[in-house]
């Protein structure tokens, strides 16, 4: 589809991404607990903590990185401007604006990584911000969701 309408879509922290991280954390904690319980049966009392403590610290470090990554998820507005183009022959341009920035930044690369119908994972790159990953959710702006999807399809053509 060509000439998709211009659209501005809000990007915030994704509840689905938080749920995914929570599930991964719980499953890894359960598997790690079972593994360490089996290991502890074979070790004497003095060397149990030597095996358990590094695993516990590693899991806690992963959890801290996961929570910090979710809290630092990019937030702002993703915009498809169908009336502008970076290069001759392009149908439009994607723009990104953080909540703290005043001017949108043109994106030099936009990649549609995963489509779950009501959630989309995108990877984009601009000259100023480098590479970023964002989750878009239908619930952020249901009225503009289909316009956003049309713009994504149009920009891939």
Protein backbone atom coordinates (compact mmCIF):
# COMPACT_ATOMS: atom_id res chain seq x y z
CA UNK A 1 0.00 0.00 0.00
CA UNK A 2 1.37 3.43 -0.90
CA UNK A 3 0.55 6.87 0.47
CA UNK A 4 -0.48 5.81 3.96
CA UNK A 5 -1.86 8.68 6.04
CA UNK A 6 0.41 10.65 8.32
CA UNK A 7 0.16 9.43 11.89
CA UNK A 8 1.60 10.29 15.30
CA UNK A 9 1.60 7.40 17.76
CA UNK A 10 2.50 7.58 21.47
CA UNK A 11 5.19 5.21 22.75
CA UNK A 12 5.40 4.35 26.43
CA UNK A 13 6.54 1.55 28.67
CA UNK A 14 5.06 -1.70 27.42
CA UNK A 15 3.09 -3.81 29.92
CA UNK A 16 3.56 -6.86 27.67
CA UNK A 17 7.36 -6.46 27.82
CA UNK A 18 7.16 -6.21 31.63
CA UNK A 19 5.07 -9.39 31.69
CA UNK A 20 7.59 -11.17 29.46
CA UNK A 21 10.46 -10.17 31.74
CA UNK A 22 8.49 -11.30 34.79
CA UNK A 23 7.74 -14.69 33.27
CA UNK A 24 11.38 -15.17 32.25
CA UNK A 25 12.49 -14.18 35.75
CA UNK A 26 10.05 -16.55 37.48
CA UNK A 27 10.81 -19.48 35.19
CA UNK A 28 14.56 -19.01 35.54
CA UNK A 29 14.20 -18.73 39.34
CA UNK A 30 12.17 -21.95 39.44
CA UNK A 31 14.60 -23.86 37.20
CA UNK A 32 17.56 -22.49 39.14
CA UNK A 33 15.96 -23.48 42.44
CA UNK A 34 15.37 -27.03 41.24
CA UNK A 35 18.92 -27.26 39.94
CA UNK A 36 20.42 -25.90 43.14
CA UNK A 37 18.22 -28.12 45.29
CA UNK A 38 19.47 -31.17 43.41
CA UNK A 39 23.05 -29.93 43.66
CA UNK A 40 22.70 -29.22 47.38
CA UNK A 41 21.67 -32.83 48.00
CA UNK A 42 25.06 -33.98 46.73
CA UNK A 43 27.21 -31.41 48.54
CA UNK A 44 28.12 -31.20 52.19
CA UNK A 45 26.73 -28.36 54.29
CA UNK A 46 29.83 -26.13 54.16
CA UNK A 47 30.09 -26.05 50.35
CA UNK A 48 26.37 -25.50 49.63
CA UNK A 49 26.60 -21.74 49.99
CA UNK A 50 29.64 -21.70 47.76
CA UNK A 51 27.44 -23.09 44.96
CA UNK A 52 24.21 -21.25 45.79
CA UNK A 53 25.50 -17.72 46.40
CA UNK A 54 27.00 -17.05 42.92
CA UNK A 55 23.83 -18.32 41.24
CA UNK A 56 21.64 -16.16 43.46
CA UNK A 57 23.79 -13.09 42.82
CA UNK A 58 23.76 -13.72 39.08
CA UNK A 59 19.95 -13.99 39.04
CA UNK A 60 19.62 -10.82 41.13
CA UNK A 61 21.95 -8.97 38.74
CA UNK A 62 19.84 -10.12 35.77
CA UNK A 63 16.67 -8.97 37.54
CA UNK A 64 18.19 -5.56 38.25
CA UNK A 65 19.28 -5.14 34.62
CA UNK A 66 15.84 -6.24 33.38
CA UNK A 67 13.96 -3.81 35.64
CA UNK A 68 16.34 -0.97 34.82
CA UNK A 69 16.01 -1.69 31.10
CA UNK A 70 12.23 -1.62 31.32
CA UNK A 71 12.23 1.61 33.34
CA UNK A 72 14.54 3.20 30.75
CA UNK A 73 12.42 2.08 27.79
CA UNK A 74 12.18 4.85 25.18
CA UNK A 75 9.11 7.01 25.59
CA UNK A 76 7.89 9.62 23.17
CA UNK A 77 6.10 9.82 19.84
CA UNK A 78 6.67 7.89 16.65
CA UNK A 79 5.51 9.82 13.61
CA UNK A 80 5.01 8.87 9.98
CA UNK A 81 5.03 11.95 7.76
CA UNK A 82 3.75 10.93 4.35
CA UNK A 83 4.39 14.37 2.87
CA UNK A 84 8.16 14.41 3.52
CA UNK A 85 11.01 12.18 2.41
CA UNK A 86 14.73 11.94 3.18
CA UNK A 87 15.66 10.66 -0.27
CA UNK A 88 14.12 11.12 -3.67
CA UNK A 89 11.56 8.44 -4.45
CA UNK A 90 10.66 7.58 -0.84
CA UNK A 91 7.00 7.60 0.16
CA UNK A 92 7.53 9.38 3.49
CA UNK A 93 9.73 9.65 6.54
CA UNK A 94 9.64 8.27 10.08
CA UNK A 95 10.32 10.73 12.90
CA UNK A 96 11.03 10.08 16.59
CA UNK A 97 10.66 12.56 19.43
CA UNK A 98 11.54 11.77 23.04
CA UNK A 99 9.41 13.20 25.80
CA UNK A 100 12.30 15.53 26.64
CA UNK A 101 13.11 16.73 23.10
CA UNK A 102 11.43 19.57 21.32
CA UNK A 103 12.14 18.61 17.73
CA UNK A 104 11.55 15.23 16.14
CA UNK A 105 14.57 13.40 14.72
CA UNK A 106 14.40 11.74 11.30
CA UNK A 107 14.98 7.99 11.42
CA UNK A 108 17.43 6.60 8.88
CA UNK A 109 16.39 2.97 9.44
CA UNK A 110 13.13 1.42 10.65
CA UNK A 111 12.76 -2.35 10.99
CA UNK A 112 9.58 -4.20 11.84
CA UNK A 113 10.92 -7.07 13.99
CA UNK A 114 7.84 -8.77 15.47
CA UNK A 115 4.12 -8.35 14.84
CA UNK A 116 1.70 -9.80 17.39
CA UNK A 117 -1.31 -7.96 15.88
CA UNK A 118 -2.01 -5.78 18.96
CA UNK A 119 1.69 -5.31 19.80
CA UNK A 120 4.62 -4.57 17.51
CA UNK A 121 8.35 -4.64 18.24
CA UNK A 122 10.35 -2.15 16.17
CA UNK A 123 14.04 -1.39 15.89
CA UNK A 124 15.06 1.99 14.56
CA UNK A 125 18.18 4.05 14.14
CA UNK A 126 18.81 7.74 13.75
CA UNK A 127 21.97 9.76 13.42
CA UNK A 128 21.58 11.30 16.90
CA UNK A 129 20.17 8.49 19.04
CA UNK A 130 21.78 5.36 17.62
CA UNK A 131 19.81 2.11 17.63
CA UNK A 132 16.70 1.73 19.80
CA UNK A 133 14.06 -0.92 20.33
CA UNK A 134 10.46 0.00 21.07
CA UNK A 135 7.27 -1.90 21.72
CA UNK A 136 4.09 -0.35 20.37
CA UNK A 137 0.76 -1.39 21.87
CA UNK A 138 -2.71 -0.98 20.47
CA UNK A 139 -4.03 0.16 23.84
CA UNK A 140 -1.85 3.31 23.69
CA UNK A 141 -4.10 4.82 20.99
CA UNK A 142 -6.67 2.34 19.58
CA UNK A 143 -8.15 4.87 17.16
CA UNK A 144 -4.79 5.37 15.39
CA UNK A 145 -3.59 1.75 15.50
CA UNK A 146 -4.72 0.84 11.98
CA UNK A 147 -3.23 4.07 10.59
CA UNK A 148 0.09 3.16 12.23
CA UNK A 149 0.01 -0.35 10.76
CA UNK A 150 -0.76 1.06 7.29
CA UNK A 151 2.18 3.46 7.62
CA UNK A 152 4.48 0.59 8.64
CA UNK A 153 3.41 -1.47 5.62
CA UNK A 154 3.71 1.55 3.33
CA UNK A 155 7.24 2.32 4.50
CA UNK A 156 8.36 -1.25 3.86
CA UNK A 157 7.17 -1.24 0.25
